[in-house]
Amino acid sequence: MNELRTVSKMGYSEKVMEQFKNPQNMGKMEDPDGVGTVGNPVCGDMLKFYIKVKDGKIVDAKVETFGCVAAIATSSMTTQMVIGMTLEEAKELSRQQVAEALDGLPPHKMHCSNLAADALHKAIEDYESQHSND
């Protein structure tokens, strides 16, 4: 318990801590329609984002995350935010929107929300490159 209390003193909101302790949509997706992988060599965080698409909408999203509290929380939140969005809506999802959905992140952790959004956008690009002739 002390470890979590220490982390929350670092400026993480209750929503960040909830997403970190109970992350959603984690793990590898079987037979995804699009995959996006990003990493940050400075902090070592790595994300692999998977999407399933039907009729132009994201119907499922999963993520494999190796990283800090903020990377795990933003990954989890991003999957929850994009399920049900059209591809066009999901392309517009910004790191700021992800951070706001978590009631903010400490300034030195904003790059983590960037990773989740970037991995999502790469997964959409991957999907679109495979379906450009549809």
Protein backbone atom coordinates (compact mmCIF):
# COMPACT_ATOMS: atom_id res chain seq x y z
CA MET A 1 0.00 0.00 0.00
CA ASN A 2 2.85 2.42 0.76
CA GLU A 3 4.04 2.21 -2.83
CA LEU A 4 0.69 3.41 -4.21
CA ARG A 5 0.48 6.19 -1.63
CA THR A 6 3.95 7.34 -2.67
CA VAL A 7 3.02 7.33 -6.35
CA SER A 8 -0.17 9.33 -5.81
CA LYS A 9 1.88 11.97 -3.97
CA MET A 10 3.72 12.46 -7.26
CA GLY A 11 0.72 14.30 -8.62
CA TYR A 12 -1.39 11.52 -10.11
CA SER A 13 -5.16 11.97 -10.00
CA GLU A 14 -7.54 9.36 -8.57
CA LYS A 15 -8.56 8.47 -12.15
CA VAL A 16 -4.95 7.81 -13.11
CA MET A 17 -4.48 5.57 -10.10
CA GLU A 18 -7.74 3.70 -10.81
CA GLN A 19 -6.72 3.05 -14.43
CA PHE A 20 -3.26 1.96 -13.28
CA LYS A 21 -4.59 -0.42 -10.60
CA ASN A 22 -7.40 -1.79 -12.80
CA PRO A 23 -6.32 -1.34 -16.42
CA GLN A 24 -8.86 -2.20 -19.11
CA ASN A 25 -8.38 -3.87 -22.50
CA MET A 26 -4.84 -5.02 -21.82
CA GLY A 27 -3.14 -7.81 -23.72
CA LYS A 28 -2.62 -9.07 -27.23
CA MET A 29 -5.54 -9.11 -29.66
CA GLU A 30 -5.99 -12.13 -31.87
CA ASP A 31 -6.40 -11.27 -35.55
CA PRO A 32 -6.42 -7.45 -35.27
CA ASP A 33 -7.37 -5.22 -38.18
CA GLY A 34 -4.63 -2.71 -37.34
CA VAL A 35 -1.54 -2.62 -35.10
CA GLY A 36 0.55 0.37 -34.03
CA THR A 37 3.79 0.17 -32.06
CA VAL A 38 5.60 3.08 -30.44
CA GLY A 39 8.35 3.49 -27.91
CA ASN A 40 10.15 6.23 -26.06
CA PRO A 41 13.90 5.51 -25.88
CA VAL A 42 14.36 8.13 -23.15
CA CYS A 43 12.01 6.60 -20.56
CA GLY A 44 11.82 3.06 -21.96
CA ASP A 45 8.01 2.94 -22.32
CA MET A 46 6.74 0.68 -25.14
CA LEU A 47 3.17 0.28 -26.43
CA LYS A 48 1.54 -1.98 -28.98
CA PHE A 49 -2.02 -0.89 -29.82
CA TYR A 50 -4.50 -3.23 -31.56
CA ILE A 51 -7.82 -2.30 -33.17
CA LYS A 52 -10.77 -4.19 -34.66
CA VAL A 53 -12.80 -2.22 -37.19
CA LYS A 54 -16.31 -2.83 -38.51
CA ASP A 55 -18.23 -0.49 -40.81
CA GLY A 56 -15.70 2.30 -40.25
CA LYS A 57 -15.92 2.13 -36.44
CA ILE A 58 -13.49 0.80 -33.88
CA VAL A 59 -15.38 -2.06 -32.25
CA ASP A 60 -12.54 -3.30 -30.04
CA ALA A 61 -9.16 -2.06 -28.86
CA LYS A 62 -6.44 -3.68 -26.81
CA VAL A 63 -2.98 -2.60 -25.79
CA GLU A 64 0.20 -4.18 -24.54
CA THR A 65 2.05 -1.67 -22.38
CA PHE A 66 5.48 -1.82 -20.83
CA GLY A 67 5.90 1.34 -18.84
CA CYS A 68 5.23 3.55 -15.88
CA VAL A 69 2.01 4.38 -14.02
CA ALA A 70 1.09 7.09 -16.54
CA ALA A 71 1.82 4.89 -19.58
CA ILE A 72 -0.42 2.12 -18.26
CA ALA A 73 -3.20 4.52 -17.24
CA THR A 74 -3.19 6.43 -20.55
CA SER A 75 -3.12 3.19 -22.55
CA SER A 76 -6.11 1.85 -20.66
CA MET A 77 -8.03 5.13 -20.97
CA THR A 78 -7.27 5.46 -24.68
CA THR A 79 -8.73 2.03 -25.45
CA GLN A 80 -11.90 2.90 -23.55
CA MET A 81 -12.23 6.24 -25.31
CA VAL A 82 -11.88 4.91 -28.86
CA ILE A 83 -14.18 1.89 -28.74
CA GLY A 84 -17.28 3.01 -30.63
CA MET A 85 -15.56 5.92 -32.39
CA THR A 86 -15.34 6.15 -36.15
CA LEU A 87 -11.84 5.98 -37.59
CA GLU A 88 -12.07 9.69 -38.41
CA GLU A 89 -13.01 10.54 -34.81
CA ALA A 90 -10.22 8.35 -33.45
CA LYS A 91 -7.66 10.03 -35.73
CA GLU A 92 -8.50 13.32 -34.00
CA LEU A 93 -7.96 11.98 -30.46
CA SER A 94 -5.17 14.02 -28.91
CA ARG A 95 -2.84 13.45 -26.01
CA GLN A 96 -4.48 16.42 -24.30
CA GLN A 97 -7.91 14.75 -24.52
CA VAL A 98 -6.49 11.56 -23.00
CA ALA A 99 -4.85 13.51 -20.18
CA GLU A 100 -8.08 15.45 -19.54
CA ALA A 101 -10.07 12.19 -19.36
CA LEU A 102 -7.72 11.19 -16.54
CA ASP A 103 -8.16 14.54 -14.75
CA GLY A 104 -4.67 15.55 -15.83
CA LEU A 105 -1.13 14.25 -15.65
CA PRO A 106 1.97 15.74 -14.06
CA PRO A 107 3.75 17.84 -16.73
CA HIS A 108 6.77 15.52 -16.78
CA LYS A 109 4.44 12.61 -17.65
CA MET A 110 2.55 14.19 -20.57
CA HIS A 111 4.77 12.30 -23.01
CA CYS A 112 3.09 9.09 -21.82
CA SER A 113 -0.30 10.21 -23.13
CA ASN A 114 1.43 11.05 -26.38
CA LEU A 115 2.56 7.42 -26.70
CA ALA A 116 -0.96 6.02 -26.39
CA ALA A 117 -2.40 8.46 -28.93
CA ASP A 118 0.54 7.89 -31.30
CA ALA A 119 0.17 4.10 -31.10
CA LEU A 120 -3.56 4.43 -31.82
CA HIS A 121 -2.89 6.63 -34.85
CA LYS A 122 -0.30 4.12 -36.14
CA ALA A 123 -2.83 1.29 -35.75
CA ILE A 124 -5.34 3.29 -37.81
CA GLU A 125 -2.68 3.96 -40.47
CA ASP A 126 -1.90 0.24 -40.53
CA TYR A 127 -5.59 -0.60 -40.97
CA GLU A 128 -6.03 1.98 -43.73
CA SER A 129 -2.93 0.82 -45.61
CA GLN A 130 -4.34 -2.72 -45.68
CA HIS A 131 -7.78 -1.53 -46.83
CA SER A 132 -6.87 1.27 -49.23
CA ASN A 133 -8.46 -0.58 -52.17
CA ASP A 134 -11.74 -1.38 -50.41
